[in-house]
C-alpha cells in the first residue's frame, strides 16, 4: 500500500465527501446521472492521493457505478409511478444492455487506465457536441431498428456505459430521442436501464479487482466502499441545490452549460490518455 494512503482514511473520506457534493450539485443542475460528474472528480481526487495510475481509473469507474445503484432504483420507481417507463422498450433492450454491461467490465479489467480515460473522453466529447448543437426535436428515424442492429445498439450502450462508470441515461436518452422516442419516456426508461448497467457491472468489478494490489483503503475489489458510503447519500442530498440553480436557466442554456462542462472533462481525459 502506498505510504500516502496508509492510515489516511480520514483524508480519503473527506475527499469523497467533496466528490459527492460536487457531483450532486452538477448532476442536479444539469439533469444527468451522477456518473458523468463523479468519474472525472473522483479521478482527480485519487490522483492527488497518489493512487497508482494503472488502477486509478478502474477504481473510479467501479465506485461510480456502485453509487448509481441506489439512485437508479429511486429514480426508476419515481418514473414508473408517473407511467414514464416504457415496458415494451425495456423488454426489447433490457437483456442486451445487461449483457453489454458485463462485457464492458470484462474488457475494462483487461485494458489500462489510459484506455478507459480515452473511452470516457471520446464518448463525453461526442455527447458534448450533441448538447452544444441545436438538435432538439430532430431525429434520424421514426422508430427504433429491429433485428441485429436493434440489439447491437443497447449492447453497445451497456458496454460503453460500464467502461465509463455511468448509468444508461447519458447514452440511451440521446439515442432513443434520435429514433423519435418522446423525451420523457426516454428519460424514464433510461433510469431503469441505469440499474441494469450499474448492478451487474458493480458486481463484475468487485470480482475483477479481488486480488489486485495497491487499492485504496476500504476497497472491495475495484469498488471503494468508503467512496460508495459517502458519495451516494451526499450527492442525493446536494442534487436539489443544483436543481434550484437549473430553474433559473433556460433549457437551451442548460444544454450549452452541460456541453461546455463535458468538453472540459473530455479534453482532460484525452490529455491524460494521450499526453
Protein backbone atom coordinates (compact mmCIF):
# COMPACT_ATOMS: atom_id res chain seq x y z
CA UNK A 1 0.00 0.00 0.00
CA UNK A 2 1.30 3.44 -0.87
CA UNK A 3 2.61 5.42 2.11
CA UNK A 4 0.43 8.39 1.19
CA UNK A 5 -2.63 6.21 1.73
CA UNK A 6 -1.54 4.26 4.81
CA UNK A 7 -3.79 5.14 7.73
CA UNK A 8 -5.17 8.11 5.82
CA UNK A 9 -8.80 7.03 5.82
CA UNK A 10 -9.92 10.42 7.15
CA UNK A 11 -8.38 12.26 4.21
CA UNK A 12 -9.89 9.80 1.76
CA UNK A 13 -13.31 10.17 3.40
CA UNK A 14 -13.09 13.98 3.25
CA UNK A 15 -12.19 13.85 -0.43
CA UNK A 16 -15.10 11.51 -1.14
CA UNK A 17 -17.38 13.99 0.64
CA UNK A 18 -16.23 16.71 -1.76
CA UNK A 19 -16.78 14.36 -4.71
CA UNK A 20 -20.35 13.60 -3.65
CA UNK A 21 -21.18 17.25 -3.05
CA UNK A 22 -19.78 18.46 -6.37
CA UNK A 23 -21.32 15.53 -8.22
CA UNK A 24 -24.73 16.08 -6.65
CA UNK A 25 -24.85 19.81 -7.40
CA UNK A 26 -23.77 19.47 -11.02
CA UNK A 27 -25.96 16.41 -11.60
CA UNK A 28 -28.96 18.22 -10.17
CA UNK A 29 -28.23 21.36 -12.17
CA UNK A 30 -27.69 19.60 -15.49
CA UNK A 31 -30.21 16.79 -15.10
CA UNK A 32 -27.71 13.98 -15.68
CA UNK A 33 -26.72 10.86 -13.82
CA UNK A 34 -24.02 11.37 -11.25
CA UNK A 35 -21.51 9.11 -13.01
CA UNK A 36 -20.65 11.58 -15.76
CA UNK A 37 -19.71 14.04 -13.00
CA UNK A 38 -18.37 11.68 -10.32
CA UNK A 39 -15.87 9.91 -12.59
CA UNK A 40 -13.73 12.96 -13.50
CA UNK A 41 -13.90 14.45 -9.99
CA UNK A 42 -13.06 11.15 -8.30
CA UNK A 43 -10.23 10.56 -10.76
CA UNK A 44 -8.71 13.92 -9.79
CA UNK A 45 -9.00 13.15 -6.08
CA UNK A 46 -7.50 9.66 -6.31
CA UNK A 47 -4.67 11.12 -8.38
CA UNK A 48 -3.98 13.71 -5.66
CA UNK A 49 -3.94 10.91 -3.10
CA UNK A 50 -1.29 9.06 -5.10
CA UNK A 51 -3.30 6.05 -6.26
CA UNK A 52 -1.42 4.12 -8.95
CA UNK A 53 -2.38 5.37 -12.41
CA UNK A 54 -2.67 1.80 -13.70
CA UNK A 55 -5.64 1.09 -11.43
CA UNK A 56 -6.98 4.56 -10.59
CA UNK A 57 -9.47 4.74 -13.43
CA UNK A 58 -10.70 1.22 -12.66
CA UNK A 59 -11.41 2.21 -9.04
CA UNK A 60 -13.05 5.44 -10.20
CA UNK A 61 -15.34 3.72 -12.70
CA UNK A 62 -16.29 0.85 -10.36
CA UNK A 63 -17.05 3.14 -7.41
CA UNK A 64 -19.10 5.46 -9.61
CA UNK A 65 -21.19 2.52 -10.83
CA UNK A 66 -21.83 1.41 -7.25
CA UNK A 67 -23.13 4.87 -6.31
CA UNK A 68 -25.54 4.77 -9.27
CA UNK A 69 -27.42 1.70 -7.95
CA UNK A 70 -29.49 3.41 -5.20
CA UNK A 71 -30.08 6.46 -7.38
CA UNK A 72 -31.27 4.30 -10.28
CA UNK A 73 -33.65 2.38 -8.01
CA UNK A 74 -35.17 5.56 -6.61
CA UNK A 75 -35.33 7.32 -9.97
CA UNK A 76 -36.84 4.38 -11.86
CA UNK A 77 -39.53 3.90 -9.19
CA UNK A 78 -40.45 7.58 -9.41
CA UNK A 79 -40.65 7.48 -13.21
CA UNK A 80 -42.64 4.22 -13.12
CA UNK A 81 -45.16 5.82 -10.76
CA UNK A 82 -45.73 8.52 -13.39
CA UNK A 83 -46.09 5.95 -16.18
CA UNK A 84 -42.90 7.12 -17.89
CA UNK A 85 -41.17 3.70 -18.08
CA UNK A 86 -41.76 2.01 -21.43
CA UNK A 87 -42.24 -1.69 -20.64
CA UNK A 88 -42.03 -2.74 -24.29
CA UNK A 89 -38.75 -0.88 -24.75
CA UNK A 90 -37.44 -2.46 -21.56
CA UNK A 91 -38.20 -5.92 -22.92
CA UNK A 92 -36.57 -5.11 -26.27
CA UNK A 93 -33.36 -3.65 -24.84
CA UNK A 94 -33.07 -4.95 -21.27
CA UNK A 95 -31.19 -8.22 -21.86
CA UNK A 96 -28.78 -6.67 -24.38
CA UNK A 97 -27.96 -3.77 -22.03
CA UNK A 98 -27.40 -6.18 -19.12
CA UNK A 99 -25.07 -8.40 -21.17
CA UNK A 100 -23.31 -5.37 -22.63
CA UNK A 101 -22.57 -4.04 -19.13
CA UNK A 102 -20.90 -7.31 -18.13
CA UNK A 103 -18.95 -7.43 -21.41
CA UNK A 104 -17.80 -3.84 -20.81
CA UNK A 105 -16.37 -4.74 -17.39
CA UNK A 106 -14.67 -7.83 -18.83
CA UNK A 107 -12.95 -5.61 -21.37
CA UNK A 108 -12.24 -2.77 -18.91
CA UNK A 109 -10.49 -5.13 -16.48
CA UNK A 110 -8.05 -6.13 -19.24
CA UNK A 111 -7.05 -2.69 -20.50
CA UNK A 112 -5.04 0.14 -18.96
CA UNK A 113 -6.39 3.17 -17.19
CA UNK A 114 -5.36 5.28 -20.17
CA UNK A 115 -7.66 3.25 -22.43
CA UNK A 116 -10.58 3.82 -20.05
CA UNK A 117 -9.75 7.55 -19.97
CA UNK A 118 -9.72 7.60 -23.78
CA UNK A 119 -13.11 5.85 -23.96
CA UNK A 120 -14.57 8.30 -21.45
CA UNK A 121 -13.05 11.29 -23.24
CA UNK A 122 -14.21 10.33 -26.74
CA UNK A 123 -17.78 9.49 -25.71
CA UNK A 124 -18.06 12.55 -23.47
CA UNK A 125 -16.88 14.74 -26.35
CA UNK A 126 -19.48 13.25 -28.71
CA UNK A 127 -22.25 13.85 -26.17
CA UNK A 128 -20.92 17.39 -25.62
CA UNK A 129 -21.12 18.14 -29.35
CA UNK A 130 -24.72 16.92 -29.45
CA UNK A 131 -25.61 19.10 -26.46
CA UNK A 132 -23.95 22.20 -27.95
CA UNK A 133 -25.64 21.87 -31.34
CA UNK A 134 -29.31 22.94 -31.73
CA UNK A 135 -30.63 19.44 -32.43
CA UNK A 136 -33.74 19.42 -30.24
CA UNK A 137 -36.71 17.81 -31.94
CA UNK A 138 -34.59 16.29 -34.71
CA UNK A 139 -34.47 12.53 -35.28
CA UNK A 140 -32.97 10.14 -37.84
CA UNK A 141 -35.82 7.61 -38.00
CA UNK A 142 -39.44 7.27 -36.92
CA UNK A 143 -38.91 4.05 -34.96
CA UNK A 144 -36.09 2.13 -33.31
CA UNK A 145 -34.47 -0.52 -35.54
CA UNK A 146 -35.17 -4.21 -35.08
CA UNK A 147 -33.12 -7.33 -35.73
CA UNK A 148 -29.36 -7.33 -35.14
CA UNK A 149 -28.99 -3.52 -35.19
CA UNK A 150 -31.82 -3.31 -32.68
CA UNK A 151 -29.82 -5.45 -30.22
CA UNK A 152 -26.36 -4.12 -31.11
CA UNK A 153 -27.32 -0.59 -30.05
CA UNK A 154 -28.34 -1.43 -26.43
CA UNK A 155 -25.43 -3.90 -26.12
CA UNK A 156 -23.04 -1.09 -27.06
CA UNK A 157 -24.77 1.32 -24.67
CA UNK A 158 -24.39 -1.16 -21.80
CA UNK A 159 -20.76 -1.90 -22.65
CA UNK A 160 -19.59 1.68 -23.10
CA UNK A 161 -21.54 2.88 -20.05
CA UNK A 162 -19.96 0.27 -17.76
CA UNK A 163 -16.49 1.16 -19.11
CA UNK A 164 -17.19 4.85 -18.41
CA UNK A 165 -18.74 4.35 -14.97
CA UNK A 166 -22.03 5.98 -15.94
CA UNK A 167 -25.69 5.00 -15.91
CA UNK A 168 -27.57 4.45 -19.13
CA UNK A 169 -29.15 7.89 -19.45
CA UNK A 170 -26.15 9.76 -20.86
CA UNK A 171 -26.11 7.49 -23.92
CA UNK A 172 -29.54 5.86 -24.14
CA UNK A 173 -31.60 9.07 -23.91
CA UNK A 174 -29.86 10.77 -26.88
CA UNK A 175 -30.05 7.54 -28.89
CA UNK A 176 -33.73 6.94 -28.16
CA UNK A 177 -34.69 10.53 -28.93
CA UNK A 178 -32.83 10.31 -32.25
CA UNK A 179 -35.25 7.47 -33.09
CA UNK A 180 -38.30 9.60 -32.22
CA UNK A 181 -38.90 8.29 -28.68
CA UNK A 182 -40.53 11.09 -26.61
CA UNK A 183 -38.01 12.64 -24.23
CA UNK A 184 -39.96 11.95 -21.01
CA UNK A 185 -40.43 8.29 -21.93
CA UNK A 186 -36.76 8.03 -22.89
CA UNK A 187 -35.64 9.54 -19.59
CA UNK A 188 -37.96 7.35 -17.52
CA UNK A 189 -36.93 4.15 -19.29
CA UNK A 190 -33.24 5.11 -19.15
CA UNK A 191 -33.47 5.31 -15.34
CA UNK A 192 -34.24 1.60 -15.23
CA UNK A 193 -31.54 0.89 -17.81
CA UNK A 194 -29.15 2.55 -15.35
CA UNK A 195 -29.94 -0.17 -12.83
CA UNK A 196 -29.45 -2.90 -15.43
CA UNK A 197 -26.00 -1.45 -16.11
CA UNK A 198 -24.78 -0.45 -12.65
CA UNK A 199 -25.80 -3.55 -10.65
CA UNK A 200 -24.13 -6.27 -12.77
CA UNK A 201 -21.17 -4.01 -13.63
CA UNK A 202 -20.51 -3.27 -9.94
CA UNK A 203 -20.55 -6.97 -9.09
CA UNK A 204 -18.25 -7.73 -12.02
CA UNK A 205 -15.77 -5.02 -10.95
CA UNK A 206 -15.69 -6.45 -7.43
CA UNK A 207 -14.75 -9.84 -8.84
CA UNK A 208 -12.27 -8.41 -11.37
CA UNK A 209 -10.39 -6.44 -8.73
CA UNK A 210 -10.49 -9.02 -5.94
CA UNK A 211 -6.75 -9.85 -5.98
CA UNK A 212 -5.43 -6.51 -7.25
CA UNK A 213 -2.72 -4.89 -5.11
CA UNK A 214 -2.32 -1.22 -4.06
CA UNK A 215 -6.03 -0.44 -3.98
CA UNK A 216 -7.18 2.49 -1.78
CA UNK A 217 -8.18 1.57 1.79
CA UNK A 218 -11.71 0.30 2.21
CA UNK A 219 -11.91 -1.31 -1.23
CA UNK A 220 -13.91 -4.40 -2.17
CA UNK A 221 -12.36 -5.42 -5.44
CA UNK A 222 -12.23 -2.25 -7.51
CA UNK A 223 -15.19 -0.73 -5.63
CA UNK A 224 -14.17 1.65 -2.85
CA UNK A 225 -16.71 1.20 -0.08
CA UNK A 226 -15.74 4.48 1.60
CA UNK A 227 -16.50 6.29 -1.63
CA UNK A 228 -19.78 4.44 -2.05
CA UNK A 229 -20.91 5.08 1.54
CA UNK A 230 -20.17 8.80 1.33
CA UNK A 231 -20.75 9.81 -2.29
CA UNK A 232 -24.16 8.19 -2.73
CA UNK A 233 -26.01 9.92 0.17
CA UNK A 234 -24.16 13.24 -0.18
CA UNK A 235 -24.87 13.52 -3.90
CA UNK A 236 -28.51 12.67 -3.18
CA UNK A 237 -28.72 15.48 -0.60
CA UNK A 238 -26.93 18.12 -2.70
CA UNK A 239 -28.70 17.44 -6.01
CA UNK A 240 -31.65 19.73 -5.07
CA UNK A 241 -29.20 22.64 -4.76
CA UNK A 242 -28.22 22.15 -8.37
CA UNK A 243 -31.87 21.76 -9.37
CA UNK A 244 -32.66 25.18 -7.88
CA UNK A 245 -29.87 26.70 -9.99
CA UNK A 246 -31.25 24.94 -13.06
CA UNK A 247 -34.66 26.58 -12.68
CA UNK A 248 -33.03 29.98 -13.15
CA UNK A 249 -31.74 28.93 -16.60
CA UNK A 250 -33.50 28.04 -19.86
CA UNK A 251 -33.37 24.54 -21.34
CA UNK A 252 -31.02 25.76 -24.07
CA UNK A 253 -28.73 27.45 -21.55
CA UNK A 254 -28.58 24.23 -19.55
CA UNK A 255 -27.76 22.25 -22.70
CA UNK A 256 -24.91 24.60 -23.57
CA UNK A 257 -23.64 24.56 -19.98
CA UNK A 258 -23.67 20.76 -19.93
CA UNK A 259 -21.93 20.65 -23.31
CA UNK A 260 -19.20 23.01 -22.14
CA UNK A 261 -18.73 21.07 -18.93
CA UNK A 262 -18.43 17.79 -20.84
CA UNK A 263 -15.99 19.37 -23.29
CA UNK A 264 -13.66 20.35 -20.46
CA UNK A 265 -13.97 16.88 -18.91
CA UNK A 266 -13.41 15.17 -22.25
CA UNK A 267 -10.31 17.21 -23.08
CA UNK A 268 -8.79 16.47 -19.66
CA UNK A 269 -9.43 12.74 -20.04
CA UNK A 270 -8.00 12.70 -23.57
CA UNK A 271 -4.90 14.61 -22.45
CA UNK A 272 -4.41 12.06 -19.69
CA UNK A 273 -4.78 9.19 -22.15
CA UNK A 274 -2.60 10.57 -24.92
CA UNK A 275 -0.47 13.18 -23.18
